[in-house]
Amino acid sequence: MKNLILGFALLAAAAGASAQAPAPYVLENTEVRDLRASGLKRDYQVFVALPDSYGASTKTYPVVFVTDANYAFPIVRNISQRLTRHAGMEEVIVVGLSYAKGDTGVYSRRRDYTPSVPRKHDYRSDMPGRPIALGEAPGYARFIAGQVFPLIAKHYRADMKRKFFVGHSYGSLLGLQILLTEPRMFEYYILGSPSLWYDAGLMFDRLEVYGERHRDLPANVFFGIGALERLAPGKKRSRTEEEADMVADLREFDSALKAHRYPGLHTQVKVFAEEDHASVFPLVVTHGLRAVLPAKK
């Protein structure tokens, strides 16, 4: 009888073990910190990836800040590690800026990354019961500078004089908002496929206003975009999402930047053949990091 009871117990234990959910995959040397954005009255998470040598070293590291962290953080983290391990690039700390807690990615990024409420738009909220929210990039940028930067400086051996901004699409729109208001907030900008069509090309107007008020724009900017992000043949180009030629827009914007002949500004544009808006981001990150963090000799 004892053997029978023991047998049932073993079978039950085995069944229980098999019913347990598999363990999640966890990225090595990463941390997540919760942060209340006091001015915005919203909660965010900050994802942090530490370099391989961090635990055995006392040195400080450059910091790469990446928007849209819910998908972009592991991409930037893995690419930077691979370039370090196999191509001799300097190690970096990668910091991911998450979407707001309780928000969908679409809702959060539309609100936090856009510089204005467009004069004309037909956006609809993807969150039932909540109105569309747009144009809060200035406040979100203040949150990064006022709360995220101090958090990273306090808890990590971060070289806060070597900060890199990485964004794509609306994330790059946020980068341009920062570039044309507080350019020294970051030392380097890696901007992929910026949504320059937004609000009828508002950033072109902002660039001209900046030029009227300043004699220099101290920044190092790498622009990347997919060659397929062009307007289809036969379509009329305009500053709308549906009729935007994003490649032409970017070349025009870069030319306008260069036309001001700012002594402290350095830009480059790379167009990636056979890539579109959905596929180009890993290439923007790879080439952008290589441009601003060359391999050790």
C-alpha atoms as a PDB file:
ATOM      1  CA  MET A   1       0.000   0.000   0.000  1.00  0.00           C
ATOM      2  CA  LYS A   2       2.860   2.370   0.861  1.00  0.00           C
ATOM      3  CA  ASN A   3       4.455   1.691  -2.513  1.00  0.00           C
ATOM      4  CA  LEU A   4       1.149   2.434  -4.235  1.00  0.00           C
ATOM      5  CA  ILE A   5       0.763   5.745  -2.382  1.00  0.00           C
ATOM      6  CA  LEU A   6       4.374   6.656  -3.193  1.00  0.00           C
ATOM      7  CA  GLY A   7       3.769   5.833  -6.824  1.00  0.00           C
ATOM      8  CA  PHE A   8       0.728   8.084  -6.960  1.00  0.00           C
ATOM      9  CA  ALA A   9       2.734  10.849  -5.281  1.00  0.00           C
ATOM     10  CA  LEU A  10       5.519  10.563  -7.842  1.00  0.00           C
ATOM     11  CA  LEU A  11       3.044  10.628 -10.706  1.00  0.00           C
ATOM     12  CA  ALA A  12       1.330  13.697  -9.244  1.00  0.00           C
ATOM     13  CA  ALA A  13       4.667  15.470  -8.803  1.00  0.00           C
ATOM     14  CA  ALA A  14       5.652  14.679 -12.384  1.00  0.00           C
ATOM     15  CA  ALA A  15       2.296  15.905 -13.668  1.00  0.00           C
ATOM     16  CA  GLY A  16       2.638  19.114 -11.668  1.00  0.00           C
ATOM     17  CA  ALA A  17       6.128  19.739 -12.984  1.00  0.00           C
ATOM     18  CA  SER A  18       5.016  19.219 -16.567  1.00  0.00           C
ATOM     19  CA  ALA A  19       2.108  21.615 -16.043  1.00  0.00           C
ATOM     20  CA  GLN A  20       4.347  24.467 -14.926  1.00  0.00           C
ATOM     21  CA  ALA A  21       4.806  27.268 -17.465  1.00  0.00           C
ATOM     22  CA  PRO A  22       8.193  27.362 -19.214  1.00  0.00           C
ATOM     23  CA  ALA A  23      10.624  29.946 -17.875  1.00  0.00           C
ATOM     24  CA  PRO A  24      10.821  33.179 -19.918  1.00  0.00           C
ATOM     25  CA  TYR A  25      13.935  33.999 -21.895  1.00  0.00           C
ATOM     26  CA  VAL A  26      15.918  36.753 -20.162  1.00  0.00           C
ATOM     27  CA  LEU A  27      18.575  38.926 -21.771  1.00  0.00           C
ATOM     28  CA  GLU A  28      21.846  38.699 -19.852  1.00  0.00           C
ATOM     29  CA  ASN A  29      23.153  41.742 -17.977  1.00  0.00           C
ATOM     30  CA  THR A  30      19.908  43.681 -18.282  1.00  0.00           C
ATOM     31  CA  GLU A  31      17.820  45.510 -15.715  1.00  0.00           C
ATOM     32  CA  VAL A  32      14.427  47.203 -15.611  1.00  0.00           C
ATOM     33  CA  ARG A  33      13.688  50.249 -13.468  1.00  0.00           C
ATOM     34  CA  ASP A  34      10.291  51.851 -12.904  1.00  0.00           C
ATOM     35  CA  LEU A  35      10.128  55.610 -13.132  1.00  0.00           C
ATOM     36  CA  ARG A  36       7.278  58.008 -12.472  1.00  0.00           C
ATOM     37  CA  ALA A  37       7.334  60.972 -14.868  1.00  0.00           C
ATOM     38  CA  SER A  38       6.327  63.608 -12.361  1.00  0.00           C
ATOM     39  CA  GLY A  39       5.630  66.362 -14.863  1.00  0.00           C
ATOM     40  CA  LEU A  40       3.686  64.086 -17.195  1.00  0.00           C
ATOM     41  CA  LYS A  41       1.926  62.159 -14.411  1.00  0.00           C
ATOM     42  CA  ARG A  42       2.618  58.855 -16.143  1.00  0.00           C
ATOM     43  CA  ASP A  43       4.686  55.775 -15.356  1.00  0.00           C
ATOM     44  CA  TYR A  44       7.425  54.410 -17.567  1.00  0.00           C
ATOM     45  CA  GLN A  45      10.106  51.755 -17.430  1.00  0.00           C
ATOM     46  CA  VAL A  46      13.768  52.218 -18.225  1.00  0.00           C
ATOM     47  CA  PHE A  47      15.537  49.178 -19.671  1.00  0.00           C
ATOM     48  CA  VAL A  48      19.307  48.980 -19.137  1.00  0.00           C
ATOM     49  CA  ALA A  49      21.831  46.665 -20.802  1.00  0.00           C
ATOM     50  CA  LEU A  50      25.328  46.601 -19.338  1.00  0.00           C
ATOM     51  CA  PRO A  51      28.438  45.721 -21.378  1.00  0.00           C
ATOM     52  CA  ASP A  52      30.319  42.463 -20.912  1.00  0.00           C
ATOM     53  CA  SER A  53      33.185  44.037 -18.964  1.00  0.00           C
ATOM     54  CA  TYR A  54      31.013  46.109 -16.615  1.00  0.00           C
ATOM     55  CA  GLY A  55      31.232  43.818 -13.586  1.00  0.00           C
ATOM     56  CA  ALA A  56      35.014  43.418 -13.777  1.00  0.00           C
ATOM     57  CA  SER A  57      35.805  47.050 -14.530  1.00  0.00           C
ATOM     58  CA  THR A  58      35.731  50.450 -12.839  1.00  0.00           C
ATOM     59  CA  LYS A  59      35.658  52.543 -16.003  1.00  0.00           C
ATOM     60  CA  THR A  60      32.769  54.574 -17.362  1.00  0.00           C
ATOM     61  CA  TYR A  61      30.957  53.833 -20.613  1.00  0.00           C
ATOM     62  CA  PRO A  62      29.185  55.882 -23.304  1.00  0.00           C
ATOM     63  CA  VAL A  63      25.400  55.602 -23.148  1.00  0.00           C
ATOM     64  CA  VAL A  64      23.049  54.837 -26.029  1.00  0.00           C
ATOM     65  CA  PHE A  65      19.453  55.938 -25.404  1.00  0.00           C
ATOM     66  CA  VAL A  66      16.899  54.309 -27.701  1.00  0.00           C
ATOM     67  CA  THR A  67      13.212  55.152 -28.138  1.00  0.00           C
ATOM     68  CA  ASP A  68      10.459  52.583 -28.811  1.00  0.00           C
ATOM     69  CA  ALA A  69      12.298  50.329 -26.388  1.00  0.00           C
ATOM     70  CA  ASN A  70       9.585  47.692 -26.281  1.00  0.00           C
ATOM     71  CA  TYR A  71      10.888  46.440 -29.633  1.00  0.00           C
ATOM     72  CA  ALA A  72      14.063  48.455 -30.290  1.00  0.00           C
ATOM     73  CA  PHE A  73      15.964  47.863 -27.036  1.00  0.00           C
ATOM     74  CA  PRO A  74      16.925  44.208 -27.714  1.00  0.00           C
ATOM     75  CA  ILE A  75      17.878  45.109 -31.298  1.00  0.00           C
ATOM     76  CA  VAL A  76      20.226  47.903 -30.246  1.00  0.00           C
ATOM     77  CA  ARG A  77      21.565  45.891 -27.312  1.00  0.00           C
ATOM     78  CA  ASN A  78      22.384  42.869 -29.483  1.00  0.00           C
ATOM     79  CA  ILE A  79      23.860  44.851 -32.371  1.00  0.00           C
ATOM     80  CA  SER A  80      26.071  46.908 -30.070  1.00  0.00           C
ATOM     81  CA  GLN A  81      27.317  43.766 -28.333  1.00  0.00           C
ATOM     82  CA  ARG A  82      28.066  42.059 -31.625  1.00  0.00           C
ATOM     83  CA  LEU A  83      29.978  45.084 -32.927  1.00  0.00           C
ATOM     84  CA  THR A  84      31.940  45.156 -29.683  1.00  0.00           C
ATOM     85  CA  ARG A  85      32.762  41.456 -29.612  1.00  0.00           C
ATOM     86  CA  HIS A  86      33.483  40.929 -33.295  1.00  0.00           C
ATOM     87  CA  ALA A  87      34.292  44.314 -34.820  1.00  0.00           C
ATOM     88  CA  GLY A  88      36.237  46.090 -32.062  1.00  0.00           C
ATOM     89  CA  MET A  89      33.707  48.815 -31.298  1.00  0.00           C
ATOM     90  CA  GLU A  90      33.872  50.467 -27.886  1.00  0.00           C
ATOM     91  CA  GLU A  91      31.513  49.012 -25.274  1.00  0.00           C
ATOM     92  CA  VAL A  92      28.397  50.995 -24.389  1.00  0.00           C
ATOM     93  CA  ILE A  93      25.557  51.012 -21.904  1.00  0.00           C
ATOM     94  CA  VAL A  94      22.227  50.771 -23.729  1.00  0.00           C
ATOM     95  CA  VAL A  95      19.189  52.479 -22.184  1.00  0.00           C
ATOM     96  CA  GLY A  96      15.727  51.759 -23.557  1.00  0.00           C
ATOM     97  CA  LEU A  97      12.893  54.256 -23.182  1.00  0.00           C
ATOM     98  CA  SER A  98       9.657  52.299 -22.850  1.00  0.00           C
ATOM     99  CA  TYR A  99       6.101  53.204 -23.726  1.00  0.00           C
ATOM    100  CA  ALA A 100       3.999  54.512 -20.865  1.00  0.00           C
ATOM    101  CA  LYS A 101       2.502  51.840 -18.636  1.00  0.00           C
ATOM    102  CA  GLY A 102      -1.081  51.076 -19.551  1.00  0.00           C
ATOM    103  CA  ASP A 103      -0.755  52.615 -23.025  1.00  0.00           C
ATOM    104  CA  THR A 104      -0.521  50.837 -26.335  1.00  0.00           C
ATOM    105  CA  GLY A 105       2.657  51.508 -28.260  1.00  0.00           C
ATOM    106  CA  VAL A 106       0.757  53.472 -30.890  1.00  0.00           C
ATOM    107  CA  TYR A 107      -0.946  55.679 -28.312  1.00  0.00           C
ATOM    108  CA  SER A 108       2.209  56.302 -26.278  1.00  0.00           C
ATOM    109  CA  ARG A 109       4.546  57.110 -29.163  1.00  0.00           C
ATOM    110  CA  ARG A 110       2.061  59.322 -30.996  1.00  0.00           C
ATOM    111  CA  ARG A 111       1.724  61.430 -27.870  1.00  0.00           C
ATOM    112  CA  ASP A 112       5.307  61.415 -26.595  1.00  0.00           C
ATOM    113  CA  TYR A 113       7.296  61.607 -29.835  1.00  0.00           C
ATOM    114  CA  THR A 114       5.339  64.166 -31.886  1.00  0.00           C
ATOM    115  CA  PRO A 115       6.209  67.878 -31.614  1.00  0.00           C
ATOM    116  CA  SER A 116       2.753  69.361 -32.211  1.00  0.00           C
ATOM    117  CA  VAL A 117      -0.937  68.759 -32.693  1.00  0.00           C
ATOM    118  CA  PRO A 118      -1.263  68.883 -36.493  1.00  0.00           C
ATOM    119  CA  ARG A 119      -3.365  71.646 -37.950  1.00  0.00           C
ATOM    120  CA  LYS A 120      -5.199  69.018 -39.981  1.00  0.00           C
ATOM    121  CA  HIS A 121      -5.345  65.350 -39.069  1.00  0.00           C
ATOM    122  CA  ASP A 122      -7.643  62.356 -39.005  1.00  0.00           C
ATOM    123  CA  TYR A 123      -5.924  60.348 -36.267  1.00  0.00           C
ATOM    124  CA  ARG A 124      -8.141  58.197 -34.088  1.00  0.00           C
ATOM    125  CA  SER A 125      -7.387  56.815 -30.641  1.00  0.00           C
ATOM    126  CA  ASP A 126      -6.652  53.092 -30.531  1.00  0.00           C
ATOM    127  CA  MET A 127      -7.563  53.045 -26.835  1.00  0.00           C
ATOM    128  CA  PRO A 128     -11.346  52.921 -26.276  1.00  0.00           C
ATOM    129  CA  GLY A 129     -12.575  55.621 -23.938  1.00  0.00           C
ATOM    130  CA  ARG A 130      -9.463  57.769 -24.268  1.00  0.00           C
ATOM    131  CA  PRO A 131      -9.180  60.724 -26.644  1.00  0.00           C
ATOM    132  CA  ILE A 132      -6.345  60.963 -29.136  1.00  0.00           C
ATOM    133  CA  ALA A 133      -3.216  62.564 -27.633  1.00  0.00           C
ATOM    134  CA  LEU A 134      -0.551  64.250 -29.746  1.00  0.00           C
ATOM    135  CA  GLY A 135       2.210  66.822 -29.555  1.00  0.00           C
ATOM    136  CA  GLU A 136       3.784  66.182 -26.154  1.00  0.00           C
ATOM    137  CA  ALA A 137       7.383  65.695 -27.307  1.00  0.00           C
ATOM    138  CA  PRO A 138       8.626  68.854 -25.507  1.00  0.00           C
ATOM    139  CA  GLY A 139       7.399  67.523 -22.164  1.00  0.00           C
ATOM    140  CA  TYR A 140       8.716  64.042 -22.850  1.00  0.00           C
ATOM    141  CA  ALA A 141      12.145  65.467 -23.718  1.00  0.00           C
ATOM    142  CA  ARG A 142      12.158  67.289 -20.380  1.00  0.00           C
ATOM    143  CA  PHE A 143      11.354  63.996 -18.671  1.00  0.00           C
ATOM    144  CA  ILE A 144      14.382  62.363 -20.333  1.00  0.00           C
ATOM    145  CA  ALA A 145      16.724  65.196 -19.355  1.00  0.00           C
ATOM    146  CA  GLY A 146      15.284  65.800 -15.899  1.00  0.00           C
ATOM    147  CA  GLN A 147      14.637  62.258 -14.673  1.00  0.00           C
ATOM    148  CA  VAL A 148      16.084  59.573 -16.934  1.00  0.00           C
ATOM    149  CA  PHE A 149      19.544  61.151 -17.170  1.00  0.00           C
ATOM    150  CA  PRO A 150      19.898  61.561 -13.371  1.00  0.00           C
ATOM    151  CA  LEU A 151      18.681  57.977 -12.850  1.00  0.00           C
ATOM    152  CA  ILE A 152      21.355  56.592 -15.172  1.00  0.00           C
ATOM    153  CA  ALA A 153      24.077  58.856 -13.782  1.00  0.00           C
ATOM    154  CA  LYS A 154      23.256  57.829 -10.201  1.00  0.00           C
ATOM    155  CA  HIS A 155      23.076  54.059 -10.630  1.00  0.00           C
ATOM    156  CA  TYR A 156      25.585  53.285 -13.390  1.00  0.00           C
ATOM    157  CA  ARG A 157      29.120  54.154 -14.403  1.00  0.00           C
ATOM    158  CA  ALA A 158      27.890  56.156 -17.348  1.00  0.00           C
ATOM    159  CA  ASP A 159      29.893  58.757 -19.231  1.00  0.00           C
ATOM    160  CA  MET A 160      27.152  61.369 -19.418  1.00  0.00           C
ATOM    161  CA  LYS A 161      29.325  63.520 -21.667  1.00  0.00           C
ATOM    162  CA  ARG A 162      28.971  60.892 -24.392  1.00  0.00           C
ATOM    163  CA  LYS A 163      25.262  60.312 -24.856  1.00  0.00           C
ATOM    164  CA  PHE A 164      23.821  58.859 -28.061  1.00  0.00           C
ATOM    165  CA  PHE A 165      20.205  59.215 -29.181  1.00  0.00           C
ATOM    166  CA  VAL A 166      18.749  56.465 -31.382  1.00  0.00           C
ATOM    167  CA  GLY A 167      15.304  56.774 -32.909  1.00  0.00           C
ATOM    168  CA  HIS A 168      13.281  55.616 -35.891  1.00  0.00           C
ATOM    169  CA  SER A 169      10.235  57.131 -37.597  1.00  0.00           C
ATOM    170  CA  TYR A 170       8.348  59.032 -34.862  1.00  0.00           C
ATOM    171  CA  GLY A 171      11.324  58.308 -32.596  1.00  0.00           C
ATOM    172  CA  SER A 172      13.489  60.286 -35.010  1.00  0.00           C
ATOM    173  CA  LEU A 173      10.892  63.058 -34.986  1.00  0.00           C
ATOM    174  CA  LEU A 174      11.483  63.289 -31.236  1.00  0.00           C
ATOM    175  CA  GLY A 175      15.214  63.379 -31.954  1.00  0.00           C
ATOM    176  CA  LEU A 176      14.742  66.333 -34.319  1.00  0.00           C
ATOM    177  CA  GLN A 177      12.595  68.095 -31.720  1.00  0.00           C
ATOM    178  CA  ILE A 178      15.500  67.803 -29.276  1.00  0.00           C
ATOM    179  CA  LEU A 179      18.089  68.693 -31.934  1.00  0.00           C
ATOM    180  CA  LEU A 180      16.326  71.973 -32.776  1.00  0.00           C
ATOM    181  CA  THR A 181      15.607  72.990 -29.183  1.00  0.00           C
ATOM    182  CA  GLU A 182      18.353  71.534 -26.973  1.00  0.00           C
ATOM    183  CA  PRO A 183      21.009  70.206 -29.379  1.00  0.00           C
ATOM    184  CA  ARG A 184      23.598  69.670 -26.632  1.00  0.00           C
ATOM    185  CA  MET A 185      21.265  67.314 -24.772  1.00  0.00           C
ATOM    186  CA  PHE A 186      22.968  64.509 -26.734  1.00  0.00           C
ATOM    187  CA  GLU A 187      26.430  64.443 -28.253  1.00  0.00           C
ATOM    188  CA  TYR A 188      25.385  62.151 -31.127  1.00  0.00           C
ATOM    189  CA  TYR A 189      22.127  61.490 -32.940  1.00  0.00           C
ATOM    190  CA  ILE A 190      21.310  58.357 -34.970  1.00  0.00           C
ATOM    191  CA  LEU A 191      18.021  59.056 -36.739  1.00  0.00           C
ATOM    192  CA  GLY A 192      16.314  56.524 -38.975  1.00  0.00           C
ATOM    193  CA  SER A 193      13.501  57.341 -41.414  1.00  0.00           C
ATOM    194  CA  PRO A 194      12.354  60.561 -39.702  1.00  0.00           C
ATOM    195  CA  SER A 195       8.676  61.374 -40.252  1.00  0.00           C
ATOM    196  CA  LEU A 196       9.386  64.753 -41.817  1.00  0.00           C
ATOM    197  CA  TRP A 197       5.933  64.826 -43.403  1.00  0.00           C
ATOM    198  CA  TYR A 198       4.364  65.208 -39.937  1.00  0.00           C
ATOM    199  CA  ASP A 199       2.144  68.266 -39.520  1.00  0.00           C
ATOM    200  CA  ALA A 200       2.691  69.396 -43.124  1.00  0.00           C
ATOM    201  CA  GLY A 201       6.481  69.394 -42.735  1.00  0.00           C
ATOM    202  CA  LEU A 202       6.619  71.280 -39.451  1.00  0.00           C
ATOM    203  CA  MET A 203      10.282  70.416 -38.879  1.00  0.00           C
ATOM    204  CA  PHE A 204      11.306  72.312 -42.011  1.00  0.00           C
ATOM    205  CA  ASP A 205       9.670  75.398 -40.502  1.00  0.00           C
ATOM    206  CA  ARG A 206      11.334  74.734 -37.139  1.00  0.00           C
ATOM    207  CA  LEU A 207      14.708  74.492 -38.870  1.00  0.00           C
ATOM    208  CA  GLU A 208      14.276  77.908 -40.446  1.00  0.00           C
ATOM    209  CA  VAL A 209      13.193  79.443 -37.148  1.00  0.00           C
ATOM    210  CA  TYR A 210      16.253  77.935 -35.467  1.00  0.00           C
ATOM    211  CA  GLY A 211      18.456  79.453 -38.183  1.00  0.00           C
ATOM    212  CA  GLU A 212      17.022  82.908 -37.570  1.00  0.00           C
ATOM    213  CA  ARG A 213      17.951  82.719 -33.897  1.00  0.00           C
ATOM    214  CA  HIS A 214      21.249  80.809 -33.820  1.00  0.00           C
ATOM    215  CA  ARG A 215      24.599  80.900 -35.533  1.00  0.00           C
ATOM    216  CA  ASP A 216      25.573  77.336 -34.693  1.00  0.00           C
ATOM    217  CA  LEU A 217      24.002  73.923 -34.249  1.00  0.00           C
ATOM    218  CA  PRO A 218      26.527  71.835 -32.312  1.00  0.00           C
ATOM    219  CA  ALA A 219      25.608  68.243 -33.172  1.00  0.00           C
ATOM    220  CA  ASN A 220      26.806  65.090 -34.893  1.00  0.00           C
ATOM    221  CA  VAL A 221      23.944  63.454 -36.808  1.00  0.00           C
ATOM    222  CA  PHE A 222      23.722  60.196 -38.745  1.00  0.00           C
ATOM    223  CA  PHE A 223      20.605  59.838 -40.894  1.00  0.00           C
ATOM    224  CA  GLY A 224      19.590  56.487 -42.350  1.00  0.00           C
ATOM    225  CA  ILE A 225      16.626  55.480 -44.492  1.00  0.00           C
ATOM    226  CA  GLY A 226      15.475  52.676 -46.770  1.00  0.00           C
ATOM    227  CA  ALA A 227      15.641  53.255 -50.519  1.00  0.00           C
ATOM    228  CA  LEU A 228      12.097  51.903 -50.826  1.00  0.00           C
ATOM    229  CA  GLU A 229      10.707  54.694 -48.628  1.00  0.00           C
ATOM    230  CA  ARG A 230      10.080  56.675 -51.784  1.00  0.00           C
ATOM    231  CA  LEU A 231       6.841  57.812 -53.331  1.00  0.00           C
ATOM    232  CA  ALA A 232       5.443  55.381 -55.864  1.00  0.00           C
ATOM    233  CA  PRO A 233       5.928  56.436 -59.509  1.00  0.00           C
ATOM    234  CA  GLY A 234       3.143  58.635 -60.810  1.00  0.00           C
ATOM    235  CA  LYS A 235       2.013  59.872 -57.409  1.00  0.00           C
ATOM    236  CA  LYS A 236       2.103  63.558 -56.513  1.00  0.00           C
ATOM    237  CA  ARG A 237       4.464  64.372 -53.661  1.00  0.00           C
ATOM    238  CA  SER A 238       3.210  66.359 -50.695  1.00  0.00           C
ATOM    239  CA  ARG A 239       3.852  66.789 -46.976  1.00  0.00           C
ATOM    240  CA  THR A 240       1.286  64.172 -45.992  1.00  0.00           C
ATOM    241  CA  GLU A 241       1.844  60.639 -44.750  1.00  0.00           C
ATOM    242  CA  GLU A 242       0.107  59.120 -47.779  1.00  0.00           C
ATOM    243  CA  GLU A 243       1.966  61.239 -50.366  1.00  0.00           C
ATOM    244  CA  ALA A 244       5.335  61.637 -48.665  1.00  0.00           C
ATOM    245  CA  ASP A 245       8.577  60.760 -50.392  1.00  0.00           C
ATOM    246  CA  MET A 246      10.570  60.137 -47.234  1.00  0.00           C
ATOM    247  CA  VAL A 247      13.890  59.756 -49.046  1.00  0.00           C
ATOM    248  CA  ALA A 248      13.444  63.064 -50.876  1.00  0.00           C
ATOM    249  CA  ASP A 249      12.269  64.721 -47.661  1.00  0.00           C
ATOM    250  CA  LEU A 250      15.362  63.560 -45.804  1.00  0.00           C
ATOM    251  CA  ARG A 251      17.754  64.683 -48.522  1.00  0.00           C
ATOM    252  CA  GLU A 252      16.007  68.054 -48.620  1.00  0.00           C
ATOM    253  CA  PHE A 253      16.182  68.427 -44.850  1.00  0.00           C
ATOM    254  CA  ASP A 254      19.869  67.508 -44.752  1.00  0.00           C
ATOM    255  CA  SER A 255      20.596  69.992 -47.530  1.00  0.00           C
ATOM    256  CA  ALA A 256      18.730  72.687 -45.605  1.00  0.00           C
ATOM    257  CA  LEU A 257      20.812  71.902 -42.522  1.00  0.00           C
ATOM    258  CA  LYS A 258      24.041  72.119 -44.490  1.00  0.00           C
ATOM    259  CA  ALA A 259      22.969  75.359 -46.188  1.00  0.00           C
ATOM    260  CA  HIS A 260      23.214  77.159 -42.847  1.00  0.00           C
ATOM    261  CA  ARG A 261      26.928  76.259 -42.656  1.00  0.00           C
ATOM    262  CA  TYR A 262      26.819  75.738 -38.916  1.00  0.00           C
ATOM    263  CA  PRO A 263      30.455  75.272 -37.812  1.00  0.00           C
ATOM    264  CA  GLY A 264      29.579  72.709 -35.118  1.00  0.00           C
ATOM    265  CA  LEU A 265      27.223  70.586 -37.202  1.00  0.00           C
ATOM    266  CA  HIS A 266      28.267  67.341 -38.875  1.00  0.00           C
ATOM    267  CA  THR A 267      25.701  65.237 -40.744  1.00  0.00           C
ATOM    268  CA  GLN A 268      25.685  62.267 -43.069  1.00  0.00           C
ATOM    269  CA  VAL A 269      22.892  60.488 -44.890  1.00  0.00           C
ATOM    270  CA  LYS A 270      22.909  56.838 -45.878  1.00  0.00           C
ATOM    271  CA  VAL A 271      20.211  55.294 -48.074  1.00  0.00           C
ATOM    272  CA  PHE A 272      19.985  51.519 -47.807  1.00  0.00           C
ATOM    273  CA  ALA A 273      19.133  49.704 -51.022  1.00  0.00           C
ATOM    274  CA  GLU A 274      16.176  47.292 -51.057  1.00  0.00           C
ATOM    275  CA  GLU A 275      15.060  48.280 -47.533  1.00  0.00           C
ATOM    276  CA  ASP A 276      11.727  49.772 -46.538  1.00  0.00           C
ATOM    277  CA  HIS A 277      10.346  51.480 -43.437  1.00  0.00           C
ATOM    278  CA  ALA A 278       9.785  48.180 -41.636  1.00  0.00           C
ATOM    279  CA  SER A 279      13.131  46.560 -42.388  1.00  0.00           C
ATOM    280  CA  VAL A 280      15.727  49.336 -42.294  1.00  0.00           C
ATOM    281  CA  PHE A 281      16.116  49.947 -38.545  1.00  0.00           C
ATOM    282  CA  PRO A 282      18.802  47.284 -37.807  1.00  0.00           C
ATOM    283  CA  LEU A 283      20.938  48.685 -40.631  1.00  0.00           C
ATOM    284  CA  VAL A 284      20.493  52.237 -39.361  1.00  0.00           C
ATOM    285  CA  VAL A 285      21.670  51.116 -35.925  1.00  0.00           C
ATOM    286  CA  THR A 286      24.648  49.140 -37.254  1.00  0.00           C
ATOM    287  CA  HIS A 287      25.935  51.855 -39.570  1.00  0.00           C
ATOM    288  CA  GLY A 288      25.025  54.644 -37.196  1.00  0.00           C
ATOM    289  CA  LEU A 289      26.969  53.136 -34.302  1.00  0.00           C
ATOM    290  CA  ARG A 290      29.922  52.495 -36.569  1.00  0.00           C
ATOM    291  CA  ALA A 291      29.847  56.114 -37.708  1.00  0.00           C
ATOM    292  CA  VAL A 292      29.890  57.587 -34.218  1.00  0.00           C
ATOM    293  CA  LEU A 293      31.830  54.846 -32.400  1.00  0.00           C
ATOM    294  CA  PRO A 294      34.564  53.685 -34.762  1.00  0.00           C
ATOM    295  CA  ALA A 295      36.345  50.430 -34.050  1.00  0.00           C
ATOM    296  CA  LYS A 296      39.511  50.499 -31.984  1.00  0.00           C
ATOM    297  CA  LYS A 297      42.703  50.367 -33.997  1.00  0.00           C
END
